[in-house]
Amino acid sequence: MPDTPTILYCRCAYAQVVPQGVKDAVLQKLCDSGASFESVSDLCEMAAHRDPRLKAIAGCGKLRIAACYPRAVLGLFHQAGSPLAEEGVEVLNMRTETADDIAAKLLATD
């Protein structure tokens, strides 16, 4: 469905700035939901290497990203030459929000 947002889950594998329990719980809730989502090892690493997958992700249109600070995520995509759209993109902060809140927002059908 074209109105269904793409869900991107960042495992934040290298920086270790997101609490492991939150990352694990969000991932489990996504898996249990049966929703389609993409999981990446680390957006920071992808941006540093200018991974071409970032351009494809940025072009998804409606997008929900579970990662860390929204400003940092927007900066990573910009740094990699694949800026995110100003509208239709929601970055959810696993550093400061609960796993339940993150999963509910990722899976919302609005």
C-alpha atoms as a PDB file:
ATOM      1  CA  MET A   1       0.000   0.000   0.000  1.00  0.00           C
ATOM      2  CA  PRO A   2       1.474   3.366  -1.016  1.00  0.00           C
ATOM      3  CA  ASP A   3       0.355   5.108   2.202  1.00  0.00           C
ATOM      4  CA  THR A   4       2.034   2.541   4.415  1.00  0.00           C
ATOM      5  CA  PRO A   5       5.284   3.982   5.763  1.00  0.00           C
ATOM      6  CA  THR A   6       8.550   2.155   5.364  1.00  0.00           C
ATOM      7  CA  ILE A   7       9.908   1.132   8.769  1.00  0.00           C
ATOM      8  CA  LEU A   8      13.665   1.279   9.318  1.00  0.00           C
ATOM      9  CA  TYR A   9      15.224  -0.154  12.466  1.00  0.00           C
ATOM     10  CA  CYS A  10      18.835   0.769  13.285  1.00  0.00           C
ATOM     11  CA  ARG A  11      20.644  -1.711  15.533  1.00  0.00           C
ATOM     12  CA  CYS A  12      23.192   0.995  16.458  1.00  0.00           C
ATOM     13  CA  ALA A  13      25.807  -1.747  16.565  1.00  0.00           C
ATOM     14  CA  TYR A  14      28.944   0.354  16.845  1.00  0.00           C
ATOM     15  CA  ALA A  15      28.272   3.506  18.854  1.00  0.00           C
ATOM     16  CA  GLN A  16      26.510   1.622  21.670  1.00  0.00           C
ATOM     17  CA  VAL A  17      24.542   4.760  22.590  1.00  0.00           C
ATOM     18  CA  VAL A  18      21.090   3.157  22.681  1.00  0.00           C
ATOM     19  CA  PRO A  19      20.255   0.956  25.683  1.00  0.00           C
ATOM     20  CA  GLN A  20      20.460  -2.700  24.663  1.00  0.00           C
ATOM     21  CA  GLY A  21      17.205  -3.552  26.401  1.00  0.00           C
ATOM     22  CA  VAL A  22      15.298  -0.936  24.413  1.00  0.00           C
ATOM     23  CA  LYS A  23      16.846  -2.054  21.114  1.00  0.00           C
ATOM     24  CA  ASP A  24      16.037  -5.694  21.834  1.00  0.00           C
ATOM     25  CA  ALA A  25      12.466  -4.969  22.922  1.00  0.00           C
ATOM     26  CA  VAL A  26      11.695  -2.789  19.886  1.00  0.00           C
ATOM     27  CA  LEU A  27      13.119  -5.419  17.544  1.00  0.00           C
ATOM     28  CA  GLN A  28      11.098  -8.169  19.247  1.00  0.00           C
ATOM     29  CA  LYS A  29       7.889  -6.134  18.976  1.00  0.00           C
ATOM     30  CA  LEU A  30       8.538  -5.504  15.284  1.00  0.00           C
ATOM     31  CA  CYS A  31       9.168  -9.200  14.657  1.00  0.00           C
ATOM     32  CA  ASP A  32       6.095 -10.237  16.654  1.00  0.00           C
ATOM     33  CA  SER A  33       3.893  -7.770  14.761  1.00  0.00           C
ATOM     34  CA  GLY A  34       4.453  -9.400  11.395  1.00  0.00           C
ATOM     35  CA  ALA A  35       4.975  -5.946   9.867  1.00  0.00           C
ATOM     36  CA  SER A  36       7.465  -5.504   7.076  1.00  0.00           C
ATOM     37  CA  PHE A  37      10.551  -3.557   8.140  1.00  0.00           C
ATOM     38  CA  GLU A  38      14.180  -3.117   7.214  1.00  0.00           C
ATOM     39  CA  SER A  39      16.923  -3.543   9.781  1.00  0.00           C
ATOM     40  CA  VAL A  40      20.389  -2.049   9.353  1.00  0.00           C
ATOM     41  CA  SER A  41      23.444  -2.667  11.473  1.00  0.00           C
ATOM     42  CA  ASP A  42      24.408   0.964  12.003  1.00  0.00           C
ATOM     43  CA  LEU A  43      23.292   4.176  10.262  1.00  0.00           C
ATOM     44  CA  CYS A  44      26.454   5.964  11.430  1.00  0.00           C
ATOM     45  CA  GLU A  45      28.640   3.413   9.666  1.00  0.00           C
ATOM     46  CA  MET A  46      26.470   3.521   6.560  1.00  0.00           C
ATOM     47  CA  ALA A  47      26.768   7.314   6.395  1.00  0.00           C
ATOM     48  CA  ALA A  48      30.521   7.209   6.951  1.00  0.00           C
ATOM     49  CA  HIS A  49      30.856   4.853   3.975  1.00  0.00           C
ATOM     50  CA  ARG A  50      28.228   6.718   1.908  1.00  0.00           C
ATOM     51  CA  ASP A  51      26.342   3.465   1.538  1.00  0.00           C
ATOM     52  CA  PRO A  52      24.080   3.692  -1.551  1.00  0.00           C
ATOM     53  CA  ARG A  53      21.266   2.005   0.395  1.00  0.00           C
ATOM     54  CA  LEU A  54      20.770   5.303   2.226  1.00  0.00           C
ATOM     55  CA  LYS A  55      19.679   6.951  -1.015  1.00  0.00           C
ATOM     56  CA  ALA A  56      17.129   4.181  -1.584  1.00  0.00           C
ATOM     57  CA  ILE A  57      15.859   4.525   1.989  1.00  0.00           C
ATOM     58  CA  ALA A  58      15.642   8.322   1.694  1.00  0.00           C
ATOM     59  CA  GLY A  59      13.558   7.894  -1.450  1.00  0.00           C
ATOM     60  CA  CYS A  60      10.912   5.751   0.240  1.00  0.00           C
ATOM     61  CA  GLY A  61       8.581   8.672   0.816  1.00  0.00           C
ATOM     62  CA  LYS A  62       6.744   7.997   4.048  1.00  0.00           C
ATOM     63  CA  LEU A  63       9.364   6.693   6.472  1.00  0.00           C
ATOM     64  CA  ARG A  64       9.582   5.837  10.172  1.00  0.00           C
ATOM     65  CA  ILE A  65      13.036   5.304  11.626  1.00  0.00           C
ATOM     66  CA  ALA A  66      13.890   3.809  15.027  1.00  0.00           C
ATOM     67  CA  ALA A  67      17.381   4.991  15.900  1.00  0.00           C
ATOM     68  CA  CYS A  68      18.745   7.732  18.151  1.00  0.00           C
ATOM     69  CA  TYR A  69      18.471  11.530  18.175  1.00  0.00           C
ATOM     70  CA  PRO A  70      16.406  12.768  15.202  1.00  0.00           C
ATOM     71  CA  ARG A  71      18.818  15.610  14.481  1.00  0.00           C
ATOM     72  CA  ALA A  72      21.712  13.140  14.322  1.00  0.00           C
ATOM     73  CA  VAL A  73      19.840  10.799  11.967  1.00  0.00           C
ATOM     74  CA  LEU A  74      18.867  13.672   9.652  1.00  0.00           C
ATOM     75  CA  GLY A  75      22.514  14.787   9.666  1.00  0.00           C
ATOM     76  CA  LEU A  76      23.753  11.301   8.804  1.00  0.00           C
ATOM     77  CA  PHE A  77      21.564  11.072   5.732  1.00  0.00           C
ATOM     78  CA  HIS A  78      22.573  14.592   4.693  1.00  0.00           C
ATOM     79  CA  GLN A  79      26.286  13.810   5.211  1.00  0.00           C
ATOM     80  CA  ALA A  80      25.906  10.746   2.992  1.00  0.00           C
ATOM     81  CA  GLY A  81      24.413  12.849   0.196  1.00  0.00           C
ATOM     82  CA  SER A  82      20.930  11.378   0.677  1.00  0.00           C
ATOM     83  CA  PRO A  83      18.929  13.971   2.625  1.00  0.00           C
ATOM     84  CA  LEU A  84      15.591  12.884   4.018  1.00  0.00           C
ATOM     85  CA  ALA A  85      12.387  14.621   2.953  1.00  0.00           C
ATOM     86  CA  GLU A  86      11.175  17.429   5.175  1.00  0.00           C
ATOM     87  CA  GLU A  87       7.726  15.841   5.397  1.00  0.00           C
ATOM     88  CA  GLY A  88       6.619  12.258   5.848  1.00  0.00           C
ATOM     89  CA  VAL A  89       9.672  11.202   7.861  1.00  0.00           C
ATOM     90  CA  GLU A  90       9.505  10.416  11.568  1.00  0.00           C
ATOM     91  CA  VAL A  91      12.636   9.585  13.562  1.00  0.00           C
ATOM     92  CA  LEU A  92      11.977   7.850  16.872  1.00  0.00           C
ATOM     93  CA  ASN A  93      14.613   8.144  19.562  1.00  0.00           C
ATOM     94  CA  MET A  94      15.403   4.825  21.242  1.00  0.00           C
ATOM     95  CA  ARG A  95      17.763   6.669  23.606  1.00  0.00           C
ATOM     96  CA  THR A  96      14.967   8.582  25.303  1.00  0.00           C
ATOM     97  CA  GLU A  97      11.669   6.808  24.543  1.00  0.00           C
ATOM     98  CA  THR A  98      10.396   3.483  25.844  1.00  0.00           C
ATOM     99  CA  ALA A  99      10.300   0.396  23.660  1.00  0.00           C
ATOM    100  CA  ASP A 100       6.500   0.302  23.950  1.00  0.00           C
ATOM    101  CA  ASP A 101       6.169   3.916  22.767  1.00  0.00           C
ATOM    102  CA  ILE A 102       8.614   3.392  19.889  1.00  0.00           C
ATOM    103  CA  ALA A 103       6.884   0.206  18.705  1.00  0.00           C
ATOM    104  CA  ALA A 104       3.439   1.791  18.923  1.00  0.00           C
ATOM    105  CA  LYS A 105       4.563   4.741  16.789  1.00  0.00           C
ATOM    106  CA  LEU A 106       6.377   2.533  14.279  1.00  0.00           C
ATOM    107  CA  LEU A 107       3.359   0.285  13.845  1.00  0.00           C
ATOM    108  CA  ALA A 108       0.643   2.944  13.931  1.00  0.00           C
ATOM    109  CA  THR A 109      -1.762   2.709  11.000  1.00  0.00           C
ATOM    110  CA  ASP A 110      -2.603   6.422  10.761  1.00  0.00           C
END
